[in-house]
Amino acid sequence: LIITGEYEQVARQIGEKLRRGTTFLYGEGSYTGKETKVVLTAVKRQQLAELKELVTDIDPKAFIIVQEAHQVLGDGFARYNKNSL
């Protein structure tokens, strides 16, 4: 998850440079009450350093949450197989 005021530029660069999709989630700051968009993306482990550099180059104050996923299915990742966990 990436929280930044530069969400459009971050999402565009993730698509162009990492060839990954993004989704905007709608959020609201609990302190400020300001509405914002949060960028959700899934990248492969080897792309993580590049993602962090890309985001911080655009917005050094961005808030980035990295969470390891047990499994990611879909375009660019594994396909569903009913015989696997």
PDB file of N, CA and C in Angstrom:
ATOM      1  N   LEU A   1       0.851  -1.177   0.000  1.00  0.00           N
ATOM      2  CA  LEU A   1       0.000   0.000   0.000  1.00  0.00           C
ATOM      3  C   LEU A   1       0.889   1.229   0.000  1.00  0.00           C
ATOM      4  N   ILE A   2       0.520   2.215  -0.774  1.00  0.00           N
ATOM      5  CA  ILE A   2       1.305   3.442  -0.874  1.00  0.00           C
ATOM      6  C   ILE A   2       0.364   4.621  -0.652  1.00  0.00           C
ATOM      7  N   ILE A   3       0.687   5.416   0.360  1.00  0.00           N
ATOM      8  CA  ILE A   3      -0.109   6.604   0.659  1.00  0.00           C
ATOM      9  C   ILE A   3       0.744   7.810   0.301  1.00  0.00           C
ATOM     10  N   THR A   4       0.298   8.557  -0.693  1.00  0.00           N
ATOM     11  CA  THR A   4       1.030   9.701  -1.208  1.00  0.00           C
ATOM     12  C   THR A   4       0.063  10.653  -1.890  1.00  0.00           C
ATOM     13  N   GLY A   5       0.372  11.918  -1.833  1.00  0.00           N
ATOM     14  CA  GLY A   5      -0.415  12.893  -2.581  1.00  0.00           C
ATOM     15  C   GLY A   5      -0.168  12.803  -4.074  1.00  0.00           C
ATOM     16  N   GLU A   6       0.886  12.107  -4.453  1.00  0.00           N
ATOM     17  CA  GLU A   6       1.255  11.950  -5.866  1.00  0.00           C
ATOM     18  C   GLU A   6       0.799  10.589  -6.403  1.00  0.00           C
ATOM     19  N   TYR A   7      -0.386  10.152  -5.978  1.00  0.00           N
ATOM     20  CA  TYR A   7      -0.853   8.804  -6.315  1.00  0.00           C
ATOM     21  C   TYR A   7      -0.974   8.556  -7.816  1.00  0.00           C
ATOM     22  N   GLU A   8      -1.389   9.555  -8.589  1.00  0.00           N
ATOM     23  CA  GLU A   8      -1.539   9.343 -10.035  1.00  0.00           C
ATOM     24  C   GLU A   8      -0.187   9.096 -10.694  1.00  0.00           C
ATOM     25  N   GLN A   9       0.809   9.901 -10.340  1.00  0.00           N
ATOM     26  CA  GLN A   9       2.141   9.734 -10.919  1.00  0.00           C
ATOM     27  C   GLN A   9       2.767   8.412 -10.469  1.00  0.00           C
ATOM     28  N   VAL A  10       2.596   8.061  -9.203  1.00  0.00           N
ATOM     29  CA  VAL A  10       3.126   6.793  -8.701  1.00  0.00           C
ATOM     30  C   VAL A  10       2.494   5.626  -9.459  1.00  0.00           C
ATOM     31  N   ALA A  11       1.186   5.628  -9.596  1.00  0.00           N
ATOM     32  CA  ALA A  11       0.495   4.548 -10.298  1.00  0.00           C
ATOM     33  C   ALA A  11       0.950   4.458 -11.755  1.00  0.00           C
ATOM     34  N   ARG A  12       1.090   5.594 -12.404  1.00  0.00           N
ATOM     35  CA  ARG A  12       1.528   5.607 -13.804  1.00  0.00           C
ATOM     36  C   ARG A  12       2.936   5.019 -13.937  1.00  0.00           C
ATOM     37  N   GLN A  13       3.840   5.406 -13.045  1.00  0.00           N
ATOM     38  CA  GLN A  13       5.218   4.917 -13.108  1.00  0.00           C
ATOM     39  C   GLN A  13       5.320   3.428 -12.784  1.00  0.00           C
ATOM     40  N   ILE A  14       4.486   2.947 -11.877  1.00  0.00           N
ATOM     41  CA  ILE A  14       4.461   1.507 -11.589  1.00  0.00           C
ATOM     42  C   ILE A  14       4.056   0.744 -12.851  1.00  0.00           C
ATOM     43  N   GLY A  15       3.066   1.250 -13.554  1.00  0.00           N
ATOM     44  CA  GLY A  15       2.637   0.608 -14.795  1.00  0.00           C
ATOM     45  C   GLY A  15       3.699   0.651 -15.873  1.00  0.00           C
ATOM     46  N   GLU A  16       4.331   1.819 -16.042  1.00  0.00           N
ATOM     47  CA  GLU A  16       5.323   1.984 -17.105  1.00  0.00           C
ATOM     48  C   GLU A  16       6.649   1.298 -16.805  1.00  0.00           C
ATOM     49  N   LYS A  17       7.163   1.456 -15.599  1.00  0.00           N
ATOM     50  CA  LYS A  17       8.508   0.955 -15.286  1.00  0.00           C
ATOM     51  C   LYS A  17       8.520  -0.470 -14.752  1.00  0.00           C
ATOM     52  N   LEU A  18       7.509  -0.844 -13.976  1.00  0.00           N
ATOM     53  CA  LEU A  18       7.485  -2.189 -13.406  1.00  0.00           C
ATOM     54  C   LEU A  18       6.544  -3.126 -14.152  1.00  0.00           C
ATOM     55  N   ARG A  19       5.742  -2.556 -15.046  1.00  0.00           N
ATOM     56  CA  ARG A  19       4.771  -3.339 -15.825  1.00  0.00           C
ATOM     57  C   ARG A  19       3.806  -4.083 -14.897  1.00  0.00           C
ATOM     58  N   ARG A  20       3.359  -3.388 -13.844  1.00  0.00           N
ATOM     59  CA  ARG A  20       2.409  -3.941 -12.884  1.00  0.00           C
ATOM     60  C   ARG A  20       1.185  -3.043 -12.821  1.00  0.00           C
ATOM     61  N   GLY A  21       0.066  -3.638 -12.528  1.00  0.00           N
ATOM     62  CA  GLY A  21      -1.165  -2.876 -12.392  1.00  0.00           C
ATOM     63  C   GLY A  21      -1.292  -2.281 -11.000  1.00  0.00           C
ATOM     64  N   THR A  22      -2.166  -1.317 -10.881  1.00  0.00           N
ATOM     65  CA  THR A  22      -2.445  -0.688  -9.593  1.00  0.00           C
ATOM     66  C   THR A  22      -3.948  -0.531  -9.433  1.00  0.00           C
ATOM     67  N   THR A  23      -4.363  -0.376  -8.201  1.00  0.00           N
ATOM     68  CA  THR A  23      -5.752  -0.100  -7.876  1.00  0.00           C
ATOM     69  C   THR A  23      -5.774   1.050  -6.890  1.00  0.00           C
ATOM     70  N   PHE A  24      -6.692   1.985  -7.076  1.00  0.00           N
ATOM     71  CA  PHE A  24      -6.863   3.058  -6.105  1.00  0.00           C
ATOM     72  C   PHE A  24      -7.905   2.637  -5.084  1.00  0.00           C
ATOM     73  N   LEU A  25      -7.540   2.749  -3.829  1.00  0.00           N
ATOM     74  CA  LEU A  25      -8.477   2.568  -2.729  1.00  0.00           C
ATOM     75  C   LEU A  25      -8.755   3.962  -2.175  1.00  0.00           C
ATOM     76  N   TYR A  26      -9.943   4.197  -1.696  1.00  0.00           N
ATOM     77  CA  TYR A  26     -10.279   5.511  -1.173  1.00  0.00           C
ATOM     78  C   TYR A  26     -10.067   5.527   0.333  1.00  0.00           C
ATOM     79  N   GLY A  27      -9.306   6.523   0.784  1.00  0.00           N
ATOM     80  CA  GLY A  27      -8.997   6.635   2.199  1.00  0.00           C
ATOM     81  C   GLY A  27      -9.275   8.027   2.713  1.00  0.00           C
ATOM     82  N   GLU A  28      -9.203   8.139   4.034  1.00  0.00           N
ATOM     83  CA  GLU A  28      -9.383   9.425   4.694  1.00  0.00           C
ATOM     84  C   GLU A  28      -8.445   9.472   5.885  1.00  0.00           C
ATOM     85  N   GLY A  29      -7.684  10.548   5.989  1.00  0.00           N
ATOM     86  CA  GLY A  29      -6.786  10.708   7.118  1.00  0.00           C
ATOM     87  C   GLY A  29      -7.577  10.862   8.403  1.00  0.00           C
ATOM     88  N   SER A  30      -7.247  10.093   9.426  1.00  0.00           N
ATOM     89  CA  SER A  30      -8.015  10.182  10.672  1.00  0.00           C
ATOM     90  C   SER A  30      -7.741  11.484  11.411  1.00  0.00           C
ATOM     91  N   TYR A  31      -6.552  12.022  11.270  1.00  0.00           N
ATOM     92  CA  TYR A  31      -6.219  13.277  11.945  1.00  0.00           C
ATOM     93  C   TYR A  31      -6.715  14.482  11.147  1.00  0.00           C
ATOM     94  N   THR A  32      -6.420  14.475   9.840  1.00  0.00           N
ATOM     95  CA  THR A  32      -6.755  15.635   9.014  1.00  0.00           C
ATOM     96  C   THR A  32      -8.177  15.604   8.474  1.00  0.00           C
ATOM     97  N   GLY A  33      -8.740  14.411   8.347  1.00  0.00           N
ATOM     98  CA  GLY A  33     -10.053  14.277   7.729  1.00  0.00           C
ATOM     99  C   GLY A  33      -9.994  14.434   6.217  1.00  0.00           C
ATOM    100  N   LYS A  34      -8.786  14.573   5.669  1.00  0.00           N
ATOM    101  CA  LYS A  34      -8.603  14.781   4.233  1.00  0.00           C
ATOM    102  C   LYS A  34      -8.766  13.463   3.475  1.00  0.00           C
ATOM    103  N   GLU A  35      -9.567  13.515   2.413  1.00  0.00           N
ATOM    104  CA  GLU A  35      -9.744  12.341   1.560  1.00  0.00           C
ATOM    105  C   GLU A  35      -8.544  12.194   0.640  1.00  0.00           C
ATOM    106  N   THR A  36      -8.187  10.955   0.357  1.00  0.00           N
ATOM    107  CA  THR A  36      -7.061  10.682  -0.528  1.00  0.00           C
ATOM    108  C   THR A  36      -7.271   9.339  -1.203  1.00  0.00           C
ATOM    109  N   LYS A  37      -6.451   9.059  -2.163  1.00  0.00           N
ATOM    110  CA  LYS A  37      -6.435   7.742  -2.791  1.00  0.00           C
ATOM    111  C   LYS A  37      -5.185   7.017  -2.308  1.00  0.00           C
ATOM    112  N   VAL A  38      -5.315   5.728  -2.092  1.00  0.00           N
ATOM    113  CA  VAL A  38      -4.222   4.866  -1.671  1.00  0.00           C
ATOM    114  C   VAL A  38      -3.926   3.930  -2.833  1.00  0.00           C
ATOM    115  N   VAL A  39      -2.665   3.763  -3.161  1.00  0.00           N
ATOM    116  CA  VAL A  39      -2.272   2.913  -4.284  1.00  0.00           C
ATOM    117  C   VAL A  39      -2.000   1.497  -3.765  1.00  0.00           C
ATOM    118  N   LEU A  40      -2.688   0.536  -4.340  1.00  0.00           N
ATOM    119  CA  LEU A  40      -2.483  -0.876  -4.028  1.00  0.00           C
ATOM    120  C   LEU A  40      -1.841  -1.527  -5.242  1.00  0.00           C
ATOM    121  N   THR A  41      -0.756  -2.254  -5.020  1.00  0.00           N
ATOM    122  CA  THR A  41      -0.121  -2.978  -6.115  1.00  0.00           C
ATOM    123  C   THR A  41       0.520  -4.242  -5.571  1.00  0.00           C
ATOM    124  N   ALA A  42       0.713  -5.218  -6.414  1.00  0.00           N
ATOM    125  CA  ALA A  42       1.436  -6.443  -6.069  1.00  0.00           C
ATOM    126  C   ALA A  42       2.613  -6.545  -7.026  1.00  0.00           C
ATOM    127  N   VAL A  43       3.798  -6.716  -6.466  1.00  0.00           N
ATOM    128  CA  VAL A  43       5.000  -6.860  -7.290  1.00  0.00           C
ATOM    129  C   VAL A  43       5.732  -8.132  -6.875  1.00  0.00           C
ATOM    130  N   LYS A  44       6.581  -8.605  -7.747  1.00  0.00           N
ATOM    131  CA  LYS A  44       7.408  -9.754  -7.414  1.00  0.00           C
ATOM    132  C   LYS A  44       8.532  -9.297  -6.489  1.00  0.00           C
ATOM    133  N   ARG A  45       9.022 -10.209  -5.684  1.00  0.00           N
ATOM    134  CA  ARG A  45      10.037  -9.893  -4.680  1.00  0.00           C
ATOM    135  C   ARG A  45      11.225  -9.154  -5.279  1.00  0.00           C
ATOM    136  N   GLN A  46      11.667  -9.559  -6.454  1.00  0.00           N
ATOM    137  CA  GLN A  46      12.832  -8.928  -7.076  1.00  0.00           C
ATOM    138  C   GLN A  46      12.541  -7.507  -7.566  1.00  0.00           C
ATOM    139  N   GLN A  47      11.277  -7.095  -7.579  1.00  0.00           N
ATOM    140  CA  GLN A  47      10.903  -5.741  -7.987  1.00  0.00           C
ATOM    141  C   GLN A  47      10.730  -4.793  -6.795  1.00  0.00           C
ATOM    142  N   LEU A  48      10.845  -5.309  -5.593  1.00  0.00           N
ATOM    143  CA  LEU A  48      10.546  -4.518  -4.403  1.00  0.00           C
ATOM    144  C   LEU A  48      11.479  -3.318  -4.231  1.00  0.00           C
ATOM    145  N   ALA A  49      12.764  -3.508  -4.404  1.00  0.00           N
ATOM    146  CA  ALA A  49      13.711  -2.391  -4.260  1.00  0.00           C
ATOM    147  C   ALA A  49      13.421  -1.310  -5.294  1.00  0.00           C
ATOM    148  N   GLU A  50      13.131  -1.721  -6.522  1.00  0.00           N
ATOM    149  CA  GLU A  50      12.823  -0.757  -7.579  1.00  0.00           C
ATOM    150  C   GLU A  50      11.530  -0.001  -7.268  1.00  0.00           C
ATOM    151  N   LEU A  51      10.538  -0.698  -6.707  1.00  0.00           N
ATOM    152  CA  LEU A  51       9.287  -0.038  -6.327  1.00  0.00           C
ATOM    153  C   LEU A  51       9.538   1.032  -5.273  1.00  0.00           C
ATOM    154  N   LYS A  52      10.293   0.685  -4.236  1.00  0.00           N
ATOM    155  CA  LYS A  52      10.572   1.649  -3.167  1.00  0.00           C
ATOM    156  C   LYS A  52      11.326   2.865  -3.702  1.00  0.00           C
ATOM    157  N   GLU A  53      12.298   2.628  -4.577  1.00  0.00           N
ATOM    158  CA  GLU A  53      13.058   3.736  -5.155  1.00  0.00           C
ATOM    159  C   GLU A  53      12.161   4.606  -6.039  1.00  0.00           C
ATOM    160  N   LEU A  54      11.342   3.973  -6.844  1.00  0.00           N
ATOM    161  CA  LEU A  54      10.422   4.698  -7.726  1.00  0.00           C
ATOM    162  C   LEU A  54       9.509   5.614  -6.911  1.00  0.00           C
ATOM    163  N   VAL A  55       8.913   5.077  -5.852  1.00  0.00           N
ATOM    164  CA  VAL A  55       7.975   5.855  -5.042  1.00  0.00           C
ATOM    165  C   VAL A  55       8.693   6.991  -4.333  1.00  0.00           C
ATOM    166  N   THR A  56       9.819   6.707  -3.685  1.00  0.00           N
ATOM    167  CA  THR A  56      10.506   7.750  -2.923  1.00  0.00           C
ATOM    168  C   THR A  56      11.149   8.798  -3.819  1.00  0.00           C
ATOM    169  N   ASP A  57      11.463   8.460  -5.063  1.00  0.00           N
ATOM    170  CA  ASP A  57      11.942   9.468  -6.012  1.00  0.00           C
ATOM    171  C   ASP A  57      10.831  10.469  -6.334  1.00  0.00           C
ATOM    172  N   ILE A  58       9.611   9.989  -6.407  1.00  0.00           N
ATOM    173  CA  ILE A  58       8.462  10.857  -6.692  1.00  0.00           C
ATOM    174  C   ILE A  58       8.048  11.620  -5.438  1.00  0.00           C
ATOM    175  N   ASP A  59       7.971  10.918  -4.317  1.00  0.00           N
ATOM    176  CA  ASP A  59       7.529  11.538  -3.063  1.00  0.00           C
ATOM    177  C   ASP A  59       8.329  10.967  -1.897  1.00  0.00           C
ATOM    178  N   PRO A  60       9.381  11.672  -1.486  1.00  0.00           N
ATOM    179  CA  PRO A  60      10.211  11.182  -0.376  1.00  0.00           C
ATOM    180  C   PRO A  60       9.438  11.008   0.935  1.00  0.00           C
ATOM    181  N   LYS A  61       8.278  11.629   1.059  1.00  0.00           N
ATOM    182  CA  LYS A  61       7.484  11.530   2.285  1.00  0.00           C
ATOM    183  C   LYS A  61       6.370  10.487   2.180  1.00  0.00           C
ATOM    184  N   ALA A  62       6.346   9.735   1.102  1.00  0.00           N
ATOM    185  CA  ALA A  62       5.301   8.723   0.915  1.00  0.00           C
ATOM    186  C   ALA A  62       5.356   7.699   2.050  1.00  0.00           C
ATOM    187  N   PHE A  63       4.199   7.165   2.387  1.00  0.00           N
ATOM    188  CA  PHE A  63       4.064   6.132   3.399  1.00  0.00           C
ATOM    189  C   PHE A  63       3.864   4.826   2.652  1.00  0.00           C
ATOM    190  N   ILE A  64       4.811   3.890   2.815  1.00  0.00           N
ATOM    191  CA  ILE A  64       4.786   2.634   2.067  1.00  0.00           C
ATOM    192  C   ILE A  64       4.653   1.473   3.046  1.00  0.00           C
ATOM    193  N   ILE A  65       3.679   0.625   2.815  1.00  0.00           N
ATOM    194  CA  ILE A  65       3.507  -0.576   3.633  1.00  0.00           C
ATOM    195  C   ILE A  65       3.808  -1.774   2.732  1.00  0.00           C
ATOM    196  N   VAL A  66       4.768  -2.580   3.135  1.00  0.00           N
ATOM    197  CA  VAL A  66       5.140  -3.776   2.381  1.00  0.00           C
ATOM    198  C   VAL A  66       4.655  -4.982   3.176  1.00  0.00           C
ATOM    199  N   GLN A  67       3.850  -5.783   2.545  1.00  0.00           N
ATOM    200  CA  GLN A  67       3.303  -6.973   3.188  1.00  0.00           C
ATOM    201  C   GLN A  67       3.548  -8.161   2.276  1.00  0.00           C
ATOM    202  N   GLU A  68       4.182  -9.185   2.794  1.00  0.00           N
ATOM    203  CA  GLU A  68       4.413 -10.384   2.008  1.00  0.00           C
ATOM    204  C   GLU A  68       3.092 -11.118   1.809  1.00  0.00           C
ATOM    205  N   ALA A  69       2.841 -11.540   0.598  1.00  0.00           N
ATOM    206  CA  ALA A  69       1.615 -12.272   0.276  1.00  0.00           C
ATOM    207  C   ALA A  69       1.930 -13.760   0.184  1.00  0.00           C
ATOM    208  N   HIS A  70       1.068 -14.565   0.739  1.00  0.00           N
ATOM    209  CA  HIS A  70       1.238 -16.014   0.640  1.00  0.00           C
ATOM    210  C   HIS A  70       1.114 -16.468  -0.814  1.00  0.00           C
ATOM    211  N   GLN A  71       0.188 -15.842  -1.529  1.00  0.00           N
ATOM    212  CA  GLN A  71      -0.042 -16.229  -2.919  1.00  0.00           C
ATOM    213  C   GLN A  71      -0.695 -15.074  -3.658  1.00  0.00           C
ATOM    214  N   VAL A  72      -0.270 -14.851  -4.890  1.00  0.00           N
ATOM    215  CA  VAL A  72      -0.887 -13.859  -5.765  1.00  0.00           C
ATOM    216  C   VAL A  72      -1.255 -14.574  -7.054  1.00  0.00           C
ATOM    217  N   LEU A  73      -2.513 -14.465  -7.439  1.00  0.00           N
ATOM    218  CA  LEU A  73      -3.000 -15.115  -8.650  1.00  0.00           C
ATOM    219  C   LEU A  73      -3.496 -14.060  -9.618  1.00  0.00           C
ATOM    220  N   GLY A  74      -3.275 -14.279 -10.892  1.00  0.00           N
ATOM    221  CA  GLY A  74      -3.787 -13.356 -11.894  1.00  0.00           C
ATOM    222  C   GLY A  74      -2.725 -12.992 -12.908  1.00  0.00           C
ATOM    223  N   ASP A  75      -3.060 -12.046 -13.751  1.00  0.00           N
ATOM    224  CA  ASP A  75      -2.202 -11.632 -14.851  1.00  0.00           C
ATOM    225  C   ASP A  75      -0.809 -11.240 -14.356  1.00  0.00           C
ATOM    226  N   GLY A  76       0.216 -11.885 -14.893  1.00  0.00           N
ATOM    227  CA  GLY A  76       1.595 -11.593 -14.511  1.00  0.00           C
ATOM    228  C   GLY A  76       2.077 -12.408 -13.327  1.00  0.00           C
ATOM    229  N   PHE A  77       1.176 -13.156 -12.703  1.00  0.00           N
ATOM    230  CA  PHE A  77       1.517 -13.995 -11.559  1.00  0.00           C
ATOM    231  C   PHE A  77       1.042 -15.413 -11.851  1.00  0.00           C
ATOM    232  N   ALA A  78       0.972 -16.247 -10.835  1.00  0.00           N
ATOM    233  CA  ALA A  78       0.561 -17.639 -11.023  1.00  0.00           C
ATOM    234  C   ALA A  78      -0.917 -17.726 -11.411  1.00  0.00           C
ATOM    235  N   ARG A  79      -1.256 -18.783 -12.102  1.00  0.00           N
ATOM    236  CA  ARG A  79      -2.645 -19.070 -12.430  1.00  0.00           C
ATOM    237  C   ARG A  79      -3.216 -19.982 -11.352  1.00  0.00           C
ATOM    238  N   TYR A  80      -4.517 -19.930 -11.166  1.00  0.00           N
ATOM    239  CA  TYR A  80      -5.175 -20.787 -10.178  1.00  0.00           C
ATOM    240  C   TYR A  80      -5.058 -22.243 -10.592  1.00  0.00           C
ATOM    241  N   ASN A  81      -4.702 -23.069  -9.613  1.00  0.00           N
ATOM    242  CA  ASN A  81      -4.629 -24.519  -9.825  1.00  0.00           C
ATOM    243  C   ASN A  81      -5.336 -25.152  -8.647  1.00  0.00           C
ATOM    244  N   LYS A  82      -6.431 -25.853  -8.886  1.00  0.00           N
ATOM    245  CA  LYS A  82      -7.236 -26.404  -7.791  1.00  0.00           C
ATOM    246  C   LYS A  82      -6.478 -27.436  -6.964  1.00  0.00           C
ATOM    247  N   ASN A  83      -5.374 -27.968  -7.474  1.00  0.00           N
ATOM    248  CA  ASN A  83      -4.598 -28.957  -6.740  1.00  0.00           C
ATOM    249  C   ASN A  83      -3.512 -28.355  -5.859  1.00  0.00           C
ATOM    250  N   SER A  84      -3.334 -27.032  -5.927  1.00  0.00           N
ATOM    251  CA  SER A  84      -2.333 -26.384  -5.068  1.00  0.00           C
ATOM    252  C   SER A  84      -3.025 -25.571  -3.988  1.00  0.00           C
ATOM    253  N   LEU A  85      -2.296 -25.300  -2.927  1.00  0.00           N
ATOM    254  CA  LEU A  85      -2.875 -24.502  -1.823  1.00  0.00           C
ATOM    255  C   LEU A  85      -3.122 -23.094  -2.222  1.00  0.00           C
TER     256      LEU A  85
END
